[in-house]
Structure formats: C-alpha cells, structure tokens
C-alpha cells in the first residue's frame, strides 16, 4: 500500500473529495482531511455512507414551498 499526500486550496476541496469518492471501491482504503492539525475521516466505502434523504430531510421546510405548485412550474417550463 502507498500513501499519497498533497495540499489542496480550500476552494477546491469539495471537487477533489467528490472525485476521490467516485473512484471504484477498493482503490482508496482511507480518505481523510487534515486541516490545522485536526484529522477528519472521510469514508470512501459506499456501505458506510449516510442516506442522502435522511441527511437533507427538511432542509427547505422553512421556505414554505408547495411541492405540487413547484412540480407544475417545472413541468410548464418544458411546455414552452
């Protein structure tokens, strides 16, 4: 096993993490971020990923968006 270490500008960290996490399972065993001396573990194993729906549930609840009205507006865009 080899360890690859590099520094990334904060503006590009999400892009780099997305690319690394999209690699086939088994290529990367440990993915972690070390920032200001503290280590943050990022899992590359999809079986350990948090369910995206439970993670984002209620995120726009405070905006009082009517889902039926929103869906109709999206559909009407394609009818133009």
PDB file of N, CA and C in Angstrom:
ATOM      1  N   UNK A   1       0.851  -1.171   0.000  1.00  0.00           N
ATOM      2  CA  UNK A   1       0.000   0.000   0.000  1.00  0.00           C
ATOM      3  C   UNK A   1       0.898   1.236   0.000  1.00  0.00           C
ATOM      4  N   UNK A   2       0.456   2.278  -0.686  1.00  0.00           N
ATOM      5  CA  UNK A   2       1.170   3.548  -0.770  1.00  0.00           C
ATOM      6  C   UNK A   2       0.321   4.646  -0.143  1.00  0.00           C
ATOM      7  N   UNK A   3       0.956   5.662   0.383  1.00  0.00           N
ATOM      8  CA  UNK A   3       0.270   6.833   0.927  1.00  0.00           C
ATOM      9  C   UNK A   3       0.623   8.009   0.042  1.00  0.00           C
ATOM     10  N   UNK A   4      -0.389   8.693  -0.445  1.00  0.00           N
ATOM     11  CA  UNK A   4      -0.207   9.888  -1.267  1.00  0.00           C
ATOM     12  C   UNK A   4      -0.712  11.070  -0.461  1.00  0.00           C
ATOM     13  N   UNK A   5       0.099  12.092  -0.369  1.00  0.00           N
ATOM     14  CA  UNK A   5      -0.266  13.255   0.438  1.00  0.00           C
ATOM     15  C   UNK A   5      -0.054  14.509  -0.406  1.00  0.00           C
ATOM     16  N   UNK A   6      -1.055  15.403  -0.422  1.00  0.00           N
ATOM     17  CA  UNK A   6      -0.919  16.662  -1.149  1.00  0.00           C
ATOM     18  C   UNK A   6      -1.771  17.727  -0.490  1.00  0.00           C
ATOM     19  N   UNK A   7      -1.448  18.983  -0.759  1.00  0.00           N
ATOM     20  CA  UNK A   7      -2.209  20.104  -0.214  1.00  0.00           C
ATOM     21  C   UNK A   7      -3.168  20.611  -1.277  1.00  0.00           C
ATOM     22  N   UNK A   8      -4.367  21.000  -0.852  1.00  0.00           N
ATOM     23  CA  UNK A   8      -5.410  21.478  -1.763  1.00  0.00           C
ATOM     24  C   UNK A   8      -5.939  22.801  -1.239  1.00  0.00           C
ATOM     25  N   UNK A   9      -6.121  23.753  -2.136  1.00  0.00           N
ATOM     26  CA  UNK A   9      -6.724  25.032  -1.800  1.00  0.00           C
ATOM     27  C   UNK A   9      -8.144  24.788  -1.299  1.00  0.00           C
ATOM     28  N   UNK A  10      -8.569  25.512  -0.264  1.00  0.00           N
ATOM     29  CA  UNK A  10      -9.909  25.328   0.315  1.00  0.00           C
ATOM     30  C   UNK A  10     -11.019  25.472  -0.721  1.00  0.00           C
ATOM     31  N   UNK A  11     -10.808  26.266  -1.755  1.00  0.00           N
ATOM     32  CA  UNK A  11     -11.829  26.464  -2.779  1.00  0.00           C
ATOM     33  C   UNK A  11     -12.105  25.199  -3.590  1.00  0.00           C
ATOM     34  N   UNK A  12     -11.148  24.295  -3.625  1.00  0.00           N
ATOM     35  CA  UNK A  12     -11.267  23.102  -4.471  1.00  0.00           C
ATOM     36  C   UNK A  12     -11.441  21.812  -3.686  1.00  0.00           C
ATOM     37  N   UNK A  13     -11.543  21.869  -2.363  1.00  0.00           N
ATOM     38  CA  UNK A  13     -11.596  20.656  -1.560  1.00  0.00           C
ATOM     39  C   UNK A  13     -12.814  19.793  -1.891  1.00  0.00           C
ATOM     40  N   UNK A  14     -13.989  20.403  -2.097  1.00  0.00           N
ATOM     41  CA  UNK A  14     -15.178  19.615  -2.403  1.00  0.00           C
ATOM     42  C   UNK A  14     -15.055  18.914  -3.751  1.00  0.00           C
ATOM     43  N   UNK A  15     -14.468  19.583  -4.718  1.00  0.00           N
ATOM     44  CA  UNK A  15     -14.256  18.982  -6.037  1.00  0.00           C
ATOM     45  C   UNK A  15     -13.330  17.776  -5.933  1.00  0.00           C
ATOM     46  N   UNK A  16     -12.224  17.940  -5.227  1.00  0.00           N
ATOM     47  CA  UNK A  16     -11.264  16.855  -5.066  1.00  0.00           C
ATOM     48  C   UNK A  16     -11.885  15.687  -4.308  1.00  0.00           C
ATOM     49  N   UNK A  17     -12.611  15.977  -3.227  1.00  0.00           N
ATOM     50  CA  UNK A  17     -13.259  14.910  -2.458  1.00  0.00           C
ATOM     51  C   UNK A  17     -14.287  14.164  -3.302  1.00  0.00           C
ATOM     52  N   UNK A  18     -15.045  14.882  -4.116  1.00  0.00           N
ATOM     53  CA  UNK A  18     -16.019  14.228  -4.988  1.00  0.00           C
ATOM     54  C   UNK A  18     -15.342  13.289  -5.964  1.00  0.00           C
ATOM     55  N   UNK A  19     -14.239  13.739  -6.527  1.00  0.00           N
ATOM     56  CA  UNK A  19     -13.516  12.891  -7.483  1.00  0.00           C
ATOM     57  C   UNK A  19     -12.950  11.650  -6.790  1.00  0.00           C
ATOM     58  N   UNK A  20     -12.378  11.827  -5.614  1.00  0.00           N
ATOM     59  CA  UNK A  20     -11.809  10.690  -4.901  1.00  0.00           C
ATOM     60  C   UNK A  20     -12.878   9.700  -4.455  1.00  0.00           C
ATOM     61  N   UNK A  21     -14.025  10.205  -4.001  1.00  0.00           N
ATOM     62  CA  UNK A  21     -15.087   9.325  -3.537  1.00  0.00           C
ATOM     63  C   UNK A  21     -15.757   8.587  -4.692  1.00  0.00           C
ATOM     64  N   UNK A  22     -15.663   9.135  -5.899  1.00  0.00           N
ATOM     65  CA  UNK A  22     -16.288   8.466  -7.034  1.00  0.00           C
ATOM     66  C   UNK A  22     -15.436   7.331  -7.588  1.00  0.00           C
ATOM     67  N   UNK A  23     -14.210   7.208  -7.110  1.00  0.00           N
ATOM     68  CA  UNK A  23     -13.373   6.099  -7.556  1.00  0.00           C
ATOM     69  C   UNK A  23     -13.973   4.774  -7.115  1.00  0.00           C
ATOM     70  N   UNK A  24     -13.689   3.758  -7.867  1.00  0.00           N
ATOM     71  CA  UNK A  24     -14.216   2.425  -7.589  1.00  0.00           C
ATOM     72  C   UNK A  24     -13.835   1.991  -6.173  1.00  0.00           C
ATOM     73  N   UNK A  25     -14.769   1.336  -5.484  1.00  0.00           N
ATOM     74  CA  UNK A  25     -14.500   0.838  -4.131  1.00  0.00           C
ATOM     75  C   UNK A  25     -13.281  -0.068  -4.155  1.00  0.00           C
ATOM     76  N   UNK A  26     -12.465   0.041  -3.139  1.00  0.00           N
ATOM     77  CA  UNK A  26     -11.282  -0.795  -3.037  1.00  0.00           C
ATOM     78  C   UNK A  26     -10.023  -0.118  -3.513  1.00  0.00           C
ATOM     79  N   UNK A  27     -10.150   0.969  -4.268  1.00  0.00           N
ATOM     80  CA  UNK A  27      -8.961   1.689  -4.728  1.00  0.00           C
ATOM     81  C   UNK A  27      -8.397   2.523  -3.598  1.00  0.00           C
ATOM     82  N   UNK A  28      -9.265   3.218  -2.894  1.00  0.00           N
ATOM     83  CA  UNK A  28      -8.835   4.056  -1.767  1.00  0.00           C
ATOM     84  C   UNK A  28      -9.357   3.413  -0.493  1.00  0.00           C
ATOM     85  N   UNK A  29      -8.437   3.101   0.426  1.00  0.00           N
ATOM     86  CA  UNK A  29      -8.846   2.455   1.678  1.00  0.00           C
ATOM     87  C   UNK A  29      -9.187   3.463   2.765  1.00  0.00           C
ATOM     88  N   UNK A  30      -8.414   4.515   2.889  1.00  0.00           N
ATOM     89  CA  UNK A  30      -8.651   5.551   3.888  1.00  0.00           C
ATOM     90  C   UNK A  30      -8.620   6.898   3.197  1.00  0.00           C
ATOM     91  N   UNK A  31      -9.641   7.694   3.410  1.00  0.00           N
ATOM     92  CA  UNK A  31      -9.666   9.053   2.868  1.00  0.00           C
ATOM     93  C   UNK A  31      -9.894   9.984   4.042  1.00  0.00           C
ATOM     94  N   UNK A  32      -8.936  10.858   4.305  1.00  0.00           N
ATOM     95  CA  UNK A  32      -9.056  11.753   5.446  1.00  0.00           C
ATOM     96  C   UNK A  32      -8.558  13.138   5.079  1.00  0.00           C
ATOM     97  N   UNK A  33      -9.052  14.125   5.815  1.00  0.00           N
ATOM     98  CA  UNK A  33      -8.648  15.511   5.633  1.00  0.00           C
ATOM     99  C   UNK A  33      -7.964  15.943   6.921  1.00  0.00           C
ATOM    100  N   UNK A  34      -6.797  16.545   6.787  1.00  0.00           N
ATOM    101  CA  UNK A  34      -6.102  17.093   7.941  1.00  0.00           C
ATOM    102  C   UNK A  34      -6.018  18.601   7.741  1.00  0.00           C
ATOM    103  N   UNK A  35      -6.719  19.335   8.601  1.00  0.00           N
ATOM    104  CA  UNK A  35      -6.752  20.789   8.494  1.00  0.00           C
ATOM    105  C   UNK A  35      -6.425  21.377   9.848  1.00  0.00           C
ATOM    106  N   UNK A  36      -5.415  22.211   9.885  1.00  0.00           N
ATOM    107  CA  UNK A  36      -4.973  22.871  11.130  1.00  0.00           C
ATOM    108  C   UNK A  36      -4.685  21.856  12.237  1.00  0.00           C
ATOM    109  N   UNK A  37      -4.106  20.730  11.865  1.00  0.00           N
ATOM    110  CA  UNK A  37      -3.707  19.725  12.847  1.00  0.00           C
ATOM    111  C   UNK A  37      -4.791  18.769  13.277  1.00  0.00           C
ATOM    112  N   UNK A  38      -6.053  19.012  12.917  1.00  0.00           N
ATOM    113  CA  UNK A  38      -7.118  18.088  13.289  1.00  0.00           C
ATOM    114  C   UNK A  38      -7.487  17.234  12.087  1.00  0.00           C
ATOM    115  N   UNK A  39      -7.732  15.959  12.321  1.00  0.00           N
ATOM    116  CA  UNK A  39      -7.981  14.997  11.259  1.00  0.00           C
ATOM    117  C   UNK A  39      -9.476  14.696  11.147  1.00  0.00           C
ATOM    118  N   UNK A  40      -9.988  14.742   9.939  1.00  0.00           N
ATOM    119  CA  UNK A  40     -11.383  14.416   9.660  1.00  0.00           C
ATOM    120  C   UNK A  40     -11.387  13.219   8.727  1.00  0.00           C
ATOM    121  N   UNK A  41     -12.046  12.142   9.133  1.00  0.00           N
ATOM    122  CA  UNK A  41     -12.107  10.928   8.324  1.00  0.00           C
ATOM    123  C   UNK A  41     -13.261  11.051   7.333  1.00  0.00           C
ATOM    124  N   UNK A  42     -12.976  10.741   6.082  1.00  0.00           N
ATOM    125  CA  UNK A  42     -13.994  10.740   5.032  1.00  0.00           C
ATOM    126  C   UNK A  42     -14.044   9.334   4.480  1.00  0.00           C
ATOM    127  N   UNK A  43     -15.172   8.659   4.624  1.00  0.00           N
ATOM    128  CA  UNK A  43     -15.293   7.279   4.149  1.00  0.00           C
ATOM    129  C   UNK A  43     -15.400   7.228   2.644  1.00  0.00           C
ATOM    130  N   UNK A  44     -14.654   6.330   2.035  1.00  0.00           N
ATOM    131  CA  UNK A  44     -14.793   6.077   0.606  1.00  0.00           C
ATOM    132  C   UNK A  44     -15.600   4.813   0.371  1.00  0.00           C
ATOM    133  N   UNK A  45     -15.991   4.134   1.441  1.00  0.00           N
ATOM    134  CA  UNK A  45     -16.770   2.901   1.343  1.00  0.00           C
ATOM    135  C   UNK A  45     -18.244   3.260   1.276  1.00  0.00           C
ATOM    136  N   UNK A  46     -18.926   2.928   0.168  1.00  0.00           N
ATOM    137  CA  UNK A  46     -20.318   3.330  -0.019  1.00  0.00           C
ATOM    138  C   UNK A  46     -21.263   2.654   0.972  1.00  0.00           C
ATOM    139  N   UNK A  47     -20.879   1.510   1.557  1.00  0.00           N
ATOM    140  CA  UNK A  47     -21.757   0.850   2.511  1.00  0.00           C
ATOM    141  C   UNK A  47     -21.861   1.634   3.819  1.00  0.00           C
ATOM    142  N   UNK A  48     -20.917   2.532   4.073  1.00  0.00           N
ATOM    143  CA  UNK A  48     -20.926   3.325   5.291  1.00  0.00           C
ATOM    144  C   UNK A  48     -21.481   4.724   5.068  1.00  0.00           C
ATOM    145  N   UNK A  49     -21.869   5.057   3.830  1.00  0.00           N
ATOM    146  CA  UNK A  49     -22.372   6.389   3.531  1.00  0.00           C
ATOM    147  C   UNK A  49     -23.691   6.633   4.234  1.00  0.00           C
ATOM    148  N   UNK A  50     -23.910   7.874   4.646  1.00  0.00           N
ATOM    149  CA  UNK A  50     -25.168   8.267   5.270  1.00  0.00           C
ATOM    150  C   UNK A  50     -26.212   8.431   4.172  1.00  0.00           C
ATOM    151  N   UNK A  51     -27.425   7.990   4.435  1.00  0.00           N
ATOM    152  CA  UNK A  51     -28.514   8.114   3.478  1.00  0.00           C
ATOM    153  C   UNK A  51     -28.752   9.587   3.164  1.00  0.00           C
ATOM    154  N   UNK A  52     -28.639   9.968   1.896  1.00  0.00           N
ATOM    155  CA  UNK A  52     -28.752  11.371   1.482  1.00  0.00           C
ATOM    156  C   UNK A  52     -30.126  11.949   1.814  1.00  0.00           C
ATOM    157  N   UNK A  53     -31.160  11.124   1.789  1.00  0.00           N
ATOM    158  CA  UNK A  53     -32.504  11.621   2.083  1.00  0.00           C
ATOM    159  C   UNK A  53     -32.666  11.985   3.553  1.00  0.00           C
ATOM    160  N   UNK A  54     -32.160  11.159   4.447  1.00  0.00           N
ATOM    161  CA  UNK A  54     -32.256  11.491   5.867  1.00  0.00           C
ATOM    162  C   UNK A  54     -31.341  12.655   6.221  1.00  0.00           C
ATOM    163  N   UNK A  55     -30.258  12.814   5.468  1.00  0.00           N
ATOM    164  CA  UNK A  55     -29.328  13.900   5.739  1.00  0.00           C
ATOM    165  C   UNK A  55     -29.901  15.254   5.313  1.00  0.00           C
ATOM    166  N   UNK A  56     -30.729  15.281   4.270  1.00  0.00           N
ATOM    167  CA  UNK A  56     -31.254  16.536   3.741  1.00  0.00           C
ATOM    168  C   UNK A  56     -32.740  16.757   4.029  1.00  0.00           C
ATOM    169  N   UNK A  57     -33.368  15.850   4.731  1.00  0.00           N
ATOM    170  CA  UNK A  57     -34.803  15.972   5.006  1.00  0.00           C
ATOM    171  C   UNK A  57     -35.091  17.264   5.765  1.00  0.00           C
ATOM    172  N   UNK A  58     -36.054  18.024   5.282  1.00  0.00           N
ATOM    173  CA  UNK A  58     -36.477  19.247   5.951  1.00  0.00           C
ATOM    174  C   UNK A  58     -35.592  20.450   5.704  1.00  0.00           C
ATOM    175  N   UNK A  59     -34.670  20.352   4.785  1.00  0.00           N
ATOM    176  CA  UNK A  59     -33.716  21.440   4.574  1.00  0.00           C
ATOM    177  C   UNK A  59     -34.382  22.706   4.027  1.00  0.00           C
ATOM    178  N   UNK A  60     -35.460  22.560   3.259  1.00  0.00           N
ATOM    179  CA  UNK A  60     -36.142  23.746   2.726  1.00  0.00           C
ATOM    180  C   UNK A  60     -37.531  23.922   3.334  1.00  0.00           C
ATOM    181  N   UNK A  61     -37.771  23.251   4.441  1.00  0.00           N
ATOM    182  CA  UNK A  61     -39.071  23.317   5.097  1.00  0.00           C
ATOM    183  C   UNK A  61     -39.455  24.747   5.468  1.00  0.00           C
ATOM    184  N   UNK A  62     -38.493  25.553   5.865  1.00  0.00           N
ATOM    185  CA  UNK A  62     -38.776  26.915   6.295  1.00  0.00           C
ATOM    186  C   UNK A  62     -39.138  27.846   5.135  1.00  0.00           C
ATOM    187  N   UNK A  63     -38.945  27.403   3.894  1.00  0.00           N
ATOM    188  CA  UNK A  63     -39.254  28.235   2.731  1.00  0.00           C
ATOM    189  C   UNK A  63     -40.727  28.162   2.315  1.00  0.00           C
ATOM    190  N   UNK A  64     -41.500  27.312   2.953  1.00  0.00           N
ATOM    191  CA  UNK A  64     -42.939  27.153   2.670  1.00  0.00           C
ATOM    192  C   UNK A  64     -43.213  26.961   1.180  1.00  0.00           C
ATOM    193  N   UNK A  65     -42.534  26.017   0.568  1.00  0.00           N
ATOM    194  CA  UNK A  65     -42.718  25.722  -0.853  1.00  0.00           C
ATOM    195  C   UNK A  65     -43.788  24.654  -0.998  1.00  0.00           C
ATOM    196  N   UNK A  66     -44.777  24.931  -1.843  1.00  0.00           N
ATOM    197  CA  UNK A  66     -45.815  23.955  -2.141  1.00  0.00           C
ATOM    198  C   UNK A  66     -45.249  22.979  -3.176  1.00  0.00           C
ATOM    199  N   UNK A  67     -45.078  21.706  -2.841  1.00  0.00           N
ATOM    200  CA  UNK A  67     -44.441  20.771  -3.767  1.00  0.00           C
ATOM    201  C   UNK A  67     -45.221  20.570  -5.065  1.00  0.00           C
ATOM    202  N   UNK A  68     -46.539  20.620  -4.999  1.00  0.00           N
ATOM    203  CA  UNK A  68     -47.355  20.441  -6.210  1.00  0.00           C
ATOM    204  C   UNK A  68     -47.186  21.638  -7.139  1.00  0.00           C
ATOM    205  N   UNK A  69     -47.210  22.831  -6.576  1.00  0.00           N
ATOM    206  CA  UNK A  69     -47.021  24.045  -7.370  1.00  0.00           C
ATOM    207  C   UNK A  69     -45.623  24.082  -7.994  1.00  0.00           C
ATOM    208  N   UNK A  70     -44.623  23.691  -7.215  1.00  0.00           N
ATOM    209  CA  UNK A  70     -43.248  23.652  -7.722  1.00  0.00           C
ATOM    210  C   UNK A  70     -43.135  22.655  -8.875  1.00  0.00           C
ATOM    211  N   UNK A  71     -43.717  21.486  -8.698  1.00  0.00           N
ATOM    212  CA  UNK A  71     -43.663  20.451  -9.734  1.00  0.00           C
ATOM    213  C   UNK A  71     -44.355  20.926 -11.013  1.00  0.00           C
ATOM    214  N   UNK A  72     -45.501  21.590 -10.883  1.00  0.00           N
ATOM    215  CA  UNK A  72     -46.203  22.108 -12.050  1.00  0.00           C
ATOM    216  C   UNK A  72     -45.393  23.187 -12.760  1.00  0.00           C
ATOM    217  N   UNK A  73     -44.700  24.025 -11.993  1.00  0.00           N
ATOM    218  CA  UNK A  73     -43.890  25.071 -12.625  1.00  0.00           C
ATOM    219  C   UNK A  73     -42.718  24.467 -13.390  1.00  0.00           C
ATOM    220  N   UNK A  74     -42.134  23.411 -12.865  1.00  0.00           N
ATOM    221  CA  UNK A  74     -41.030  22.745 -13.562  1.00  0.00           C
ATOM    222  C   UNK A  74     -41.545  22.095 -14.851  1.00  0.00           C
ATOM    223  N   UNK A  75     -42.691  21.469 -14.773  1.00  0.00           N
ATOM    224  CA  UNK A  75     -43.258  20.820 -15.969  1.00  0.00           C
ATOM    225  C   UNK A  75     -43.650  21.849 -17.023  1.00  0.00           C
ATOM    226  N   UNK A  76     -44.174  22.994 -16.577  1.00  0.00           N
ATOM    227  CA  UNK A  76     -44.605  24.005 -17.534  1.00  0.00           C
ATOM    228  C   UNK A  76     -43.432  24.630 -18.270  1.00  0.00           C
ATOM    229  N   UNK A  77     -42.233  24.580 -17.662  1.00  0.00           N
ATOM    230  CA  UNK A  77     -41.043  25.071 -18.325  1.00  0.00           C
ATOM    231  C   UNK A  77     -40.779  24.332 -19.634  1.00  0.00           C
ATOM    232  N   UNK A  78     -41.037  23.032 -19.610  1.00  0.00           N
ATOM    233  CA  UNK A  78     -40.780  22.205 -20.780  1.00  0.00           C
ATOM    234  C   UNK A  78     -41.867  22.351 -21.839  1.00  0.00           C
ATOM    235  N   UNK A  79     -43.012  22.884 -21.459  1.00  0.00           N
ATOM    236  CA  UNK A  79     -44.131  23.057 -22.406  1.00  0.00           C
ATOM    237  C   UNK A  79     -43.989  24.333 -23.226  1.00  0.00           C
ATOM    238  N   UNK A  80     -43.088  25.207 -22.851  1.00  0.00           N
ATOM    239  CA  UNK A  80     -42.951  26.495 -23.545  1.00  0.00           C
ATOM    240  C   UNK A  80     -42.354  26.332 -24.899  1.00  0.00           C
TER     241      UNK A  80
END
